[in-house]
């Protein structure tokens, strides 16, 4: 049987003959479209490009007439070249690159999208495993780096393709596992992993047919949404301004990094999470603002305004999380838009928590010189965007959405009223989308609606007693898991 297998491999991949079997996705194989390859060689021999897109039919389709509006807005102005090929696998891209398609080129940025055809058992004689596909993608990245050492590479997460329907299949699961593996190639210097898959999905994790009309290839609307989601990273790496002319008026859904002078190293905390999350391998992830940040857990809030600060509620933390591996992704002063930026920049990539607890939105009720106050509807849209990303990145995790904690002493304070309006909308959203909604606000308040310093000493951040109320509510939720 082994001899027959080797013979078959030698027929399909001649490189196997007389040598140890290698990962087939890493062995260059000539693709079926030699004429297109010849055309592209002619182009690269005559012109230097600033942006090159490499991949399969998903990239190739950007040359089609009804995708030109997307190409002409986001790529053509950047002196771009399309090296996408229908039906191509990693091994075919390797052959193209080995045979000159990147020779003499040193673009500012190259975008790589590849993988779905390697998992196609319907149209190919072989279907590769996640580890094999990851090896093939890594081989393409290494060859791109060898050919273009000064170019920054955007490595896209494999798009969530499926066959015959919107729900996840083994095809999609393998693509997700391979993407997890190759996400580790990102170094934040020359290689950047980019996950925009949430734009193709519904809140339940199924594929949105308006964005992927045949369950694998983005529609025109899907291609535009993909380009818009990638644009902040692409414009940063290109060193130019954003070409997205449709930035939403709702600031709560527009990803942005640090906004406020918040008294601690915001970017340092982000980088610490990126570099330690794998070693924690968290069972539970908390996403939030200073209320989460200053509770306890890793990474600890070390300094604030130059002072070393201890955790506020360590006893309550240990009471609810003592037996779990927990990652604290709370950041002081964060709004929904800051969380979106952090999720887009990898904080939740390649980890597989069982539960994700989200407590965000209170800072969106504030007006500062750096950011405006949002309405209840805007805040809810921001939280919806966070939940969609979480569902896309960790589809098997239970989402626990916290109602925004009460703020200000008086029940009639305008901020308190805004929070109550927001929470009513959040409760409806959570119910419609099978998300666990937890509201401890009533337990934090006196009978007349007053928020006391015993619960929140600054009428915002919980005391140990306030954190214990949160811990008690979470214990009952976690016990159901």
Protein backbone atom coordinates (compact mmCIF):
# COMPACT_ATOMS: atom_id res chain seq x y z
CA UNK A 1 0.00 0.00 0.00
CA UNK A 2 2.82 2.42 0.87
CA UNK A 3 4.45 1.69 -2.49
CA UNK A 4 1.23 2.47 -4.34
CA UNK A 5 0.89 5.75 -2.43
CA UNK A 6 4.43 6.76 -3.29
CA UNK A 7 3.81 5.91 -6.95
CA UNK A 8 0.71 8.10 -6.99
CA UNK A 9 2.61 10.94 -5.37
CA UNK A 10 5.35 10.62 -7.97
CA UNK A 11 2.76 10.91 -10.72
CA UNK A 12 1.10 13.99 -9.24
CA UNK A 13 4.28 15.52 -7.85
CA UNK A 14 7.41 14.35 -9.71
CA UNK A 15 9.60 15.88 -7.00
CA UNK A 16 8.71 12.90 -4.80
CA UNK A 17 10.54 10.39 -7.02
CA UNK A 18 13.56 8.88 -5.33
CA UNK A 19 13.40 11.04 -2.23
CA UNK A 20 11.75 11.34 1.15
CA UNK A 21 8.12 12.43 1.00
CA UNK A 22 7.73 16.15 1.62
CA UNK A 23 4.79 18.40 2.26
CA UNK A 24 3.17 18.63 -1.21
CA UNK A 25 1.98 22.19 -0.63
CA UNK A 26 5.63 23.36 -0.49
CA UNK A 27 6.72 21.82 -3.81
CA UNK A 28 6.39 24.16 -6.78
CA UNK A 29 3.98 22.93 -9.46
CA UNK A 30 3.19 24.73 -12.72
CA UNK A 31 -0.37 25.98 -12.78
CA UNK A 32 -2.86 25.77 -15.61
CA UNK A 33 -2.74 29.42 -16.70
CA UNK A 34 0.66 29.77 -18.34
CA UNK A 35 -0.63 32.48 -20.69
CA UNK A 36 -1.51 34.74 -17.74
CA UNK A 37 1.86 34.04 -16.16
CA UNK A 38 3.57 35.12 -19.39
CA UNK A 39 1.52 38.33 -19.45
CA UNK A 40 2.48 39.14 -15.88
CA UNK A 41 6.17 38.49 -16.58
CA UNK A 42 5.95 41.08 -19.35
CA UNK A 43 4.45 43.61 -16.95
CA UNK A 44 6.98 43.12 -14.15
CA UNK A 45 9.86 43.35 -16.61
CA UNK A 46 8.76 46.85 -17.67
CA UNK A 47 7.41 48.46 -14.51
CA UNK A 48 8.07 48.71 -10.79
CA UNK A 49 4.98 48.40 -8.61
CA UNK A 50 4.31 49.83 -5.16
CA UNK A 51 1.61 47.29 -4.23
CA UNK A 52 1.28 43.67 -5.35
CA UNK A 53 -1.65 41.37 -4.61
CA UNK A 54 -0.91 37.64 -4.80
CA UNK A 55 -3.36 34.77 -4.53
CA UNK A 56 -6.11 32.70 -6.07
CA UNK A 57 -9.42 33.58 -7.72
CA UNK A 58 -10.41 35.82 -4.80
CA UNK A 59 -7.58 38.15 -5.83
CA UNK A 60 -8.02 37.44 -9.54
CA UNK A 61 -11.66 38.51 -9.41
CA UNK A 62 -10.62 42.08 -8.66
CA UNK A 63 -9.77 42.33 -12.37
CA UNK A 64 -13.35 41.53 -13.40
CA UNK A 65 -15.48 44.44 -14.67
CA UNK A 66 -17.97 44.54 -11.79
CA UNK A 67 -15.12 44.61 -9.23
CA UNK A 68 -13.32 47.51 -10.92
CA UNK A 69 -14.99 50.07 -8.69
CA UNK A 70 -13.25 48.42 -5.73
CA UNK A 71 -9.92 48.03 -7.55
CA UNK A 72 -9.96 51.61 -8.80
CA UNK A 73 -10.68 53.03 -5.37
CA UNK A 74 -8.34 51.08 -3.10
CA UNK A 75 -5.60 49.54 -5.26
CA UNK A 76 -5.09 51.21 -8.65
CA UNK A 77 -4.14 54.60 -7.13
CA UNK A 78 -1.34 52.82 -5.30
CA UNK A 79 0.35 51.59 -8.49
CA UNK A 80 -0.83 48.03 -7.92
CA UNK A 81 -0.41 44.71 -9.75
CA UNK A 82 -2.84 41.78 -9.55
CA UNK A 83 -1.11 38.39 -9.44
CA UNK A 84 -4.20 36.38 -8.65
CA UNK A 85 -4.94 33.11 -10.48
CA UNK A 86 -8.15 31.13 -10.63
CA UNK A 87 -7.93 27.64 -9.07
CA UNK A 88 -4.37 28.12 -7.83
CA UNK A 89 -2.91 26.52 -4.74
CA UNK A 90 0.18 27.37 -2.72
CA UNK A 91 2.34 25.11 -4.89
CA UNK A 92 1.26 26.98 -8.02
CA UNK A 93 2.12 30.35 -6.49
CA UNK A 94 5.54 28.97 -5.57
CA UNK A 95 6.11 28.00 -9.21
CA UNK A 96 5.05 31.43 -10.44
CA UNK A 97 7.37 33.21 -8.03
CA UNK A 98 10.27 30.83 -8.75
CA UNK A 99 9.75 31.57 -12.44
CA UNK A 100 10.07 35.30 -12.28
CA UNK A 101 6.82 36.98 -11.27
CA UNK A 102 8.46 38.97 -8.48
CA UNK A 103 11.90 39.38 -10.04
CA UNK A 104 13.17 42.93 -9.79
CA UNK A 105 10.18 44.06 -7.75
CA UNK A 106 10.37 45.78 -4.35
CA UNK A 107 6.89 47.13 -3.61
CA UNK A 108 6.08 48.87 -0.37
CA UNK A 109 3.44 46.24 0.41
CA UNK A 110 2.42 42.81 -0.88
CA UNK A 111 -0.92 41.22 0.05
CA UNK A 112 -1.17 37.42 0.14
CA UNK A 113 -4.48 35.53 0.08
CA UNK A 114 -4.26 31.77 -0.56
CA UNK A 115 -5.45 28.44 0.78
CA UNK A 116 -9.04 27.56 -0.06
CA UNK A 117 -8.15 25.48 -3.15
CA UNK A 118 -5.71 23.38 -1.13
CA UNK A 119 -8.70 22.14 0.89
CA UNK A 120 -10.95 21.55 -2.12
CA UNK A 121 -11.79 17.85 -2.34
CA UNK A 122 -14.47 18.40 -5.00
CA UNK A 123 -12.29 19.66 -7.85
CA UNK A 124 -8.81 18.32 -6.99
CA UNK A 125 -7.46 14.78 -6.49
CA UNK A 126 -5.84 15.71 -3.17
CA UNK A 127 -7.06 17.58 -0.11
CA UNK A 128 -4.42 18.93 2.22
CA UNK A 129 -4.49 19.04 6.00
CA UNK A 130 -4.33 22.21 8.06
CA UNK A 131 -0.67 21.67 8.90
CA UNK A 132 0.16 20.98 5.27
CA UNK A 133 -1.62 24.10 4.11
CA UNK A 134 0.08 26.17 6.80
CA UNK A 135 3.41 24.83 5.59
CA UNK A 136 2.58 25.84 2.04
CA UNK A 137 1.56 29.36 3.05
CA UNK A 138 4.74 29.71 5.07
CA UNK A 139 6.77 28.57 2.06
CA UNK A 140 5.14 31.25 -0.10
CA UNK A 141 5.80 33.92 2.53
CA UNK A 142 9.46 32.88 2.84
CA UNK A 143 9.92 32.99 -0.92
CA UNK A 144 8.27 36.41 -1.09
CA UNK A 145 10.63 37.62 1.63
CA UNK A 146 13.62 36.24 -0.26
CA UNK A 147 12.56 37.95 -3.49
CA UNK A 148 11.43 41.22 -1.85
CA UNK A 149 13.29 41.61 1.46
CA UNK A 150 12.26 45.24 1.99
CA UNK A 151 8.55 44.69 1.28
CA UNK A 152 5.98 44.53 4.05
CA UNK A 153 3.62 41.55 3.67
CA UNK A 154 -0.03 41.55 4.67
CA UNK A 155 -0.96 37.90 5.26
CA UNK A 156 -4.73 37.56 5.12
CA UNK A 157 -6.53 34.98 7.21
CA UNK A 158 -8.03 32.38 4.88
CA UNK A 159 -11.51 33.55 3.98
CA UNK A 160 -14.39 31.52 5.50
CA UNK A 161 -15.31 29.52 2.40
CA UNK A 162 -17.74 26.60 2.42
CA UNK A 163 -19.46 24.33 -0.06
CA UNK A 164 -23.19 24.36 -0.64
CA UNK A 165 -24.31 26.47 2.27
CA UNK A 166 -23.62 29.18 4.81
CA UNK A 167 -22.74 27.12 7.87
CA UNK A 168 -19.21 25.96 8.76
CA UNK A 169 -18.00 22.75 7.14
CA UNK A 170 -14.81 20.72 7.47
CA UNK A 171 -13.43 22.86 4.63
CA UNK A 172 -13.84 26.03 6.68
CA UNK A 173 -12.59 24.42 9.87
CA UNK A 174 -9.34 23.33 8.18
CA UNK A 175 -8.84 26.83 6.77
CA UNK A 176 -9.29 28.29 10.25
CA UNK A 177 -6.79 25.87 11.80
CA UNK A 178 -4.23 26.61 9.09
CA UNK A 179 -4.75 30.34 9.61
CA UNK A 180 -4.15 29.96 13.34
CA UNK A 181 -0.81 28.31 12.60
CA UNK A 182 0.42 30.88 10.09
CA UNK A 183 -0.71 33.81 12.22
CA UNK A 184 2.46 33.20 14.21
CA UNK A 185 4.51 34.27 11.19
CA UNK A 186 3.55 37.87 11.90
CA UNK A 187 6.37 39.86 13.47
CA UNK A 188 4.83 43.33 13.33
CA UNK A 189 7.82 44.52 11.32
CA UNK A 190 7.77 42.87 7.90
CA UNK A 191 4.87 40.41 8.17
CA UNK A 192 1.41 41.47 9.32
CA UNK A 193 -1.44 39.03 9.87
CA UNK A 194 -4.78 40.55 8.89
CA UNK A 195 -8.12 39.00 9.85
CA UNK A 196 -11.10 40.74 8.25
CA UNK A 197 -13.38 37.68 8.11
CA UNK A 198 -16.05 39.27 10.25
CA UNK A 199 -17.18 41.29 7.21
CA UNK A 200 -18.35 38.06 5.54
CA UNK A 201 -20.27 36.68 8.51
CA UNK A 202 -23.57 37.05 10.30
CA UNK A 203 -23.74 37.29 14.08
CA UNK A 204 -24.36 33.54 14.37
CA UNK A 205 -21.12 32.80 12.51
CA UNK A 206 -22.77 31.74 9.26
CA UNK A 207 -21.69 33.26 5.95
CA UNK A 208 -23.58 36.35 4.84
CA UNK A 209 -24.60 35.60 1.26
CA UNK A 210 -24.74 39.31 0.44
CA UNK A 211 -21.01 39.38 1.08
CA UNK A 212 -20.16 35.93 -0.33
CA UNK A 213 -22.70 35.15 -3.02
CA UNK A 214 -21.45 31.60 -3.74
CA UNK A 215 -20.18 30.88 -0.20
CA UNK A 216 -16.52 31.24 -1.23
CA UNK A 217 -15.93 34.32 -3.39
CA UNK A 218 -16.69 37.80 -2.10
CA UNK A 219 -19.42 39.63 -3.96
CA UNK A 220 -18.75 43.19 -5.06
CA UNK A 221 -20.14 44.35 -1.71
CA UNK A 222 -17.98 41.78 0.08
CA UNK A 223 -14.85 42.86 -1.78
CA UNK A 224 -15.52 46.47 -0.86
CA UNK A 225 -16.10 45.58 2.79
CA UNK A 226 -12.87 43.56 2.76
CA UNK A 227 -10.93 46.49 1.28
CA UNK A 228 -12.44 48.90 3.80
CA UNK A 229 -11.59 46.62 6.74
CA UNK A 230 -8.03 46.19 5.49
CA UNK A 231 -7.58 49.87 4.67
CA UNK A 232 -6.34 51.13 8.07
CA UNK A 233 -3.47 48.63 8.03
CA UNK A 234 -2.79 49.01 4.32
CA UNK A 235 -2.64 52.81 4.39
CA UNK A 236 -0.37 52.67 7.43
CA UNK A 237 2.07 50.31 5.72
CA UNK A 238 1.90 52.18 2.42
CA UNK A 239 2.62 55.42 4.24
CA UNK A 240 -0.28 57.22 2.59
CA UNK A 241 -3.71 58.45 3.60
CA UNK A 242 -6.80 56.28 3.79
CA UNK A 243 -8.65 55.84 0.52
CA UNK A 244 -11.88 54.94 2.28
CA UNK A 245 -14.31 57.74 1.51
CA UNK A 246 -17.14 56.25 3.57
CA UNK A 247 -15.91 56.47 7.15
CA UNK A 248 -19.04 56.10 9.32
CA UNK A 249 -20.25 59.06 11.33
CA UNK A 250 -20.62 56.73 14.30
CA UNK A 251 -17.21 56.96 15.96
CA UNK A 252 -18.03 53.94 18.14
CA UNK A 253 -17.58 51.56 15.18
CA UNK A 254 -14.43 53.08 13.63
CA UNK A 255 -11.34 51.26 14.98
CA UNK A 256 -8.81 53.59 16.53
CA UNK A 257 -5.81 53.16 18.83
CA UNK A 258 -5.12 55.06 22.05
CA UNK A 259 -7.18 58.24 22.33
CA UNK A 260 -6.61 59.65 25.80
CA UNK A 261 -3.60 60.50 27.94
CA UNK A 262 -4.58 57.65 30.18
CA UNK A 263 -1.72 57.45 32.67
CA UNK A 264 -0.22 54.11 31.57
CA UNK A 265 1.54 52.54 28.60
CA UNK A 266 -1.42 51.66 26.35
CA UNK A 267 0.67 50.31 23.48
CA UNK A 268 2.96 48.48 25.90
CA UNK A 269 -0.02 46.65 27.40
CA UNK A 270 -1.26 45.76 23.91
CA UNK A 271 2.16 44.34 23.00
CA UNK A 272 2.38 42.44 26.27
CA UNK A 273 -0.91 40.71 25.49
CA UNK A 274 0.26 39.84 21.97
CA UNK A 275 3.45 38.26 23.27
CA UNK A 276 2.04 36.36 26.24
CA UNK A 277 -1.48 35.21 25.29
CA UNK A 278 -0.23 31.94 23.78
CA UNK A 279 1.60 30.96 26.96
CA UNK A 280 -1.50 31.67 29.03
CA UNK A 281 -3.74 29.64 26.70
CA UNK A 282 -6.73 31.27 28.41
CA UNK A 283 -9.97 29.49 29.17
CA UNK A 284 -11.60 32.86 29.84
CA UNK A 285 -10.92 36.25 28.25
CA UNK A 286 -12.22 39.53 29.65
CA UNK A 287 -12.53 42.45 27.22
CA UNK A 288 -13.16 45.89 28.63
CA UNK A 289 -12.02 49.24 29.95
CA UNK A 290 -10.53 50.39 33.28
CA UNK A 291 -13.20 48.55 35.27
CA UNK A 292 -11.79 45.29 33.92
CA UNK A 293 -8.20 46.56 33.70
CA UNK A 294 -7.89 47.38 37.39
CA UNK A 295 -9.68 44.33 38.72
CA UNK A 296 -6.90 41.74 38.78
CA UNK A 297 -5.52 38.97 36.61
CA UNK A 298 -2.81 38.95 33.96
CA UNK A 299 -1.44 41.21 32.67
CA UNK A 300 -1.65 43.24 35.87
CA UNK A 301 -2.22 46.97 35.89
CA UNK A 302 1.27 47.95 37.03
CA UNK A 303 1.32 51.74 37.13
CA UNK A 304 -1.15 54.54 36.72
CA UNK A 305 -0.04 58.17 36.50
CA UNK A 306 3.41 57.06 37.57
CA UNK A 307 2.24 55.24 40.71
CA UNK A 308 2.33 51.51 41.34
CA UNK A 309 -1.21 50.31 41.91
CA UNK A 310 -2.45 47.08 43.43
CA UNK A 311 -5.46 45.23 41.98
CA UNK A 312 -8.73 46.65 43.31
CA UNK A 313 -10.66 43.42 43.77
CA UNK A 314 -8.23 40.50 44.11
CA UNK A 315 -10.41 38.54 46.52
CA UNK A 316 -13.43 38.75 44.24
CA UNK A 317 -11.23 37.84 41.25
CA UNK A 318 -9.88 34.74 42.94
CA UNK A 319 -13.37 33.82 44.08
CA UNK A 320 -14.68 33.58 40.52
CA UNK A 321 -11.57 32.93 38.42
CA UNK A 322 -9.24 31.12 40.81
CA UNK A 323 -9.48 27.75 39.05
CA UNK A 324 -9.28 29.12 35.48
CA UNK A 325 -6.59 30.42 33.13
CA UNK A 326 -7.71 33.99 32.46
CA UNK A 327 -6.48 36.77 30.18
CA UNK A 328 -7.42 40.32 31.20
CA UNK A 329 -7.85 42.45 28.07
CA UNK A 330 -9.17 45.47 29.93
CA UNK A 331 -7.61 48.85 29.03
CA UNK A 332 -8.18 52.00 31.03
CA UNK A 333 -10.10 54.70 29.13
CA UNK A 334 -10.99 52.37 26.28
CA UNK A 335 -14.10 52.91 24.22
CA UNK A 336 -15.68 50.44 21.82
CA UNK A 337 -13.56 51.82 18.96
CA UNK A 338 -10.35 51.11 20.89
CA UNK A 339 -11.42 47.52 21.49
CA UNK A 340 -12.13 47.12 17.77
CA UNK A 341 -8.61 48.32 16.96
CA UNK A 342 -7.08 45.89 19.44
CA UNK A 343 -9.09 42.95 18.11
CA UNK A 344 -8.12 43.88 14.55
CA UNK A 345 -4.49 43.95 15.65
CA UNK A 346 -4.39 40.40 16.96
CA UNK A 347 -5.24 40.28 20.66
CA UNK A 348 -7.77 37.46 20.18
CA UNK A 349 -6.01 35.65 17.32
CA UNK A 350 -4.92 32.01 17.71
CA UNK A 351 -6.32 31.50 21.21
CA UNK A 352 -9.40 29.43 21.95
CA UNK A 353 -11.11 30.52 25.16
CA UNK A 354 -14.26 28.80 26.27
CA UNK A 355 -15.79 32.08 27.46
CA UNK A 356 -15.36 35.73 26.45
CA UNK A 357 -16.72 38.32 28.89
CA UNK A 358 -17.32 41.78 27.41
CA UNK A 359 -17.79 44.87 29.59
CA UNK A 360 -17.42 47.99 27.46
CA UNK A 361 -19.27 51.19 26.60
CA UNK A 362 -19.14 53.38 29.68
CA UNK A 363 -16.41 55.64 28.26
CA UNK A 364 -18.47 56.16 25.11
CA UNK A 365 -20.80 58.20 27.35
CA UNK A 366 -18.00 60.73 27.94
CA UNK A 367 -17.17 63.85 25.92
CA UNK A 368 -13.46 64.70 25.77
CA UNK A 369 -11.16 66.74 23.56
CA UNK A 370 -10.13 63.50 21.79
CA UNK A 371 -13.50 61.78 21.35
CA UNK A 372 -17.15 62.70 21.38
CA UNK A 373 -19.98 61.22 23.42
CA UNK A 374 -22.01 58.60 21.58
CA UNK A 375 -25.75 58.01 21.61
CA UNK A 376 -27.28 54.80 22.93
CA UNK A 377 -27.80 53.48 19.39
CA UNK A 378 -24.19 54.27 18.46
CA UNK A 379 -22.80 52.54 21.55
CA UNK A 380 -24.85 49.43 20.83
CA UNK A 381 -23.57 49.38 17.25
CA UNK A 382 -20.03 49.52 18.61
CA UNK A 383 -20.69 46.61 20.96
CA UNK A 384 -22.35 44.65 18.14
CA UNK A 385 -19.18 45.13 16.07
CA UNK A 386 -17.10 43.76 18.93
CA UNK A 387 -19.36 40.73 19.34
CA UNK A 388 -19.20 40.00 15.61
CA UNK A 389 -15.42 39.99 15.67
CA UNK A 390 -15.41 37.74 18.71
CA UNK A 391 -17.80 35.31 17.01
CA UNK A 392 -15.59 35.30 13.90
CA UNK A 393 -12.32 34.77 15.76
CA UNK A 394 -13.49 32.30 18.43
CA UNK A 395 -16.70 30.77 17.08
CA UNK A 396 -16.95 28.11 19.77
CA UNK A 397 -16.68 30.52 22.70
CA UNK A 398 -19.65 31.58 24.80
CA UNK A 399 -20.05 35.36 24.80
CA UNK A 400 -21.10 36.92 28.11
CA UNK A 401 -22.15 40.51 27.55
CA UNK A 402 -22.30 42.73 30.61
CA UNK A 403 -24.78 45.56 30.87
CA UNK A 404 -22.91 48.83 31.31
CA UNK A 405 -22.46 49.42 35.03
CA UNK A 406 -24.34 52.37 36.54
CA UNK A 407 -22.36 55.61 36.87
CA UNK A 408 -22.89 58.85 38.76
CA UNK A 409 -24.49 59.04 42.17
CA UNK A 410 -27.99 60.09 41.17
CA UNK A 411 -30.48 58.01 39.19
CA UNK A 412 -31.56 61.16 37.33
CA UNK A 413 -28.09 62.10 36.08
CA UNK A 414 -28.07 62.38 32.23
CA UNK A 415 -25.22 59.84 31.98
CA UNK A 416 -27.17 57.33 34.09
CA UNK A 417 -30.19 57.78 31.83
CA UNK A 418 -28.03 57.26 28.71
CA UNK A 419 -26.60 54.06 30.19
CA UNK A 420 -30.07 52.73 31.02
CA UNK A 421 -31.24 53.42 27.44
CA UNK A 422 -28.16 51.65 26.09
CA UNK A 423 -28.68 48.63 28.33
CA UNK A 424 -32.28 48.18 27.16
CA UNK A 425 -31.06 47.99 23.57
CA UNK A 426 -28.22 45.65 24.53
CA UNK A 427 -30.62 43.28 26.25
CA UNK A 428 -32.69 43.02 23.06
CA UNK A 429 -29.60 42.50 20.91
CA UNK A 430 -28.28 39.75 23.19
CA UNK A 431 -31.61 37.92 23.24
CA UNK A 432 -31.91 38.02 19.45
CA UNK A 433 -28.41 36.63 18.99
CA UNK A 434 -28.26 34.00 21.75
CA UNK A 435 -25.69 35.94 23.76
CA UNK A 436 -25.73 35.71 27.55
CA UNK A 437 -26.61 39.12 28.95
CA UNK A 438 -25.77 39.89 32.58
CA UNK A 439 -27.01 43.04 34.31
CA UNK A 440 -25.79 43.59 37.86
CA UNK A 441 -26.83 47.26 37.88
CA UNK A 442 -29.84 46.78 40.17
CA UNK A 443 -27.68 45.00 42.75
CA UNK A 444 -25.21 47.89 42.73
CA UNK A 445 -27.84 50.50 43.55
CA UNK A 446 -29.78 51.50 46.65
CA UNK A 447 -33.56 51.23 46.67
CA UNK A 448 -33.90 54.81 45.43
CA UNK A 449 -31.40 54.22 42.59
CA UNK A 450 -28.46 55.90 44.31
CA UNK A 451 -24.96 54.59 43.55
CA UNK A 452 -22.97 54.73 46.80
CA UNK A 453 -19.25 55.03 47.41
CA UNK A 454 -19.42 51.69 49.20
CA UNK A 455 -19.95 50.08 45.77
CA UNK A 456 -18.08 52.56 43.53
CA UNK A 457 -15.86 54.94 45.41
CA UNK A 458 -15.69 57.41 42.50
CA UNK A 459 -19.20 56.60 41.23
CA UNK A 460 -17.66 54.65 38.36
CA UNK A 461 -15.04 52.08 39.42
CA UNK A 462 -16.12 49.28 41.76
CA UNK A 463 -14.69 48.76 45.21
CA UNK A 464 -13.91 45.25 46.44
CA UNK A 465 -17.57 44.97 47.42
CA UNK A 466 -18.64 46.11 43.97
CA UNK A 467 -16.35 43.59 42.31
CA UNK A 468 -17.76 40.85 44.52
CA UNK A 469 -21.21 41.57 43.09
CA UNK A 470 -19.77 41.09 39.61
CA UNK A 471 -17.92 37.94 40.68
CA UNK A 472 -21.08 36.41 42.18
CA UNK A 473 -23.01 37.01 38.94
CA UNK A 474 -20.24 35.50 36.83
CA UNK A 475 -19.94 32.44 39.06
CA UNK A 476 -23.50 31.47 38.29
CA UNK A 477 -22.92 31.99 34.55
CA UNK A 478 -19.67 30.02 34.49
CA UNK A 479 -21.25 27.17 36.43
CA UNK A 480 -23.62 26.69 33.51
CA UNK A 481 -20.75 26.18 31.07
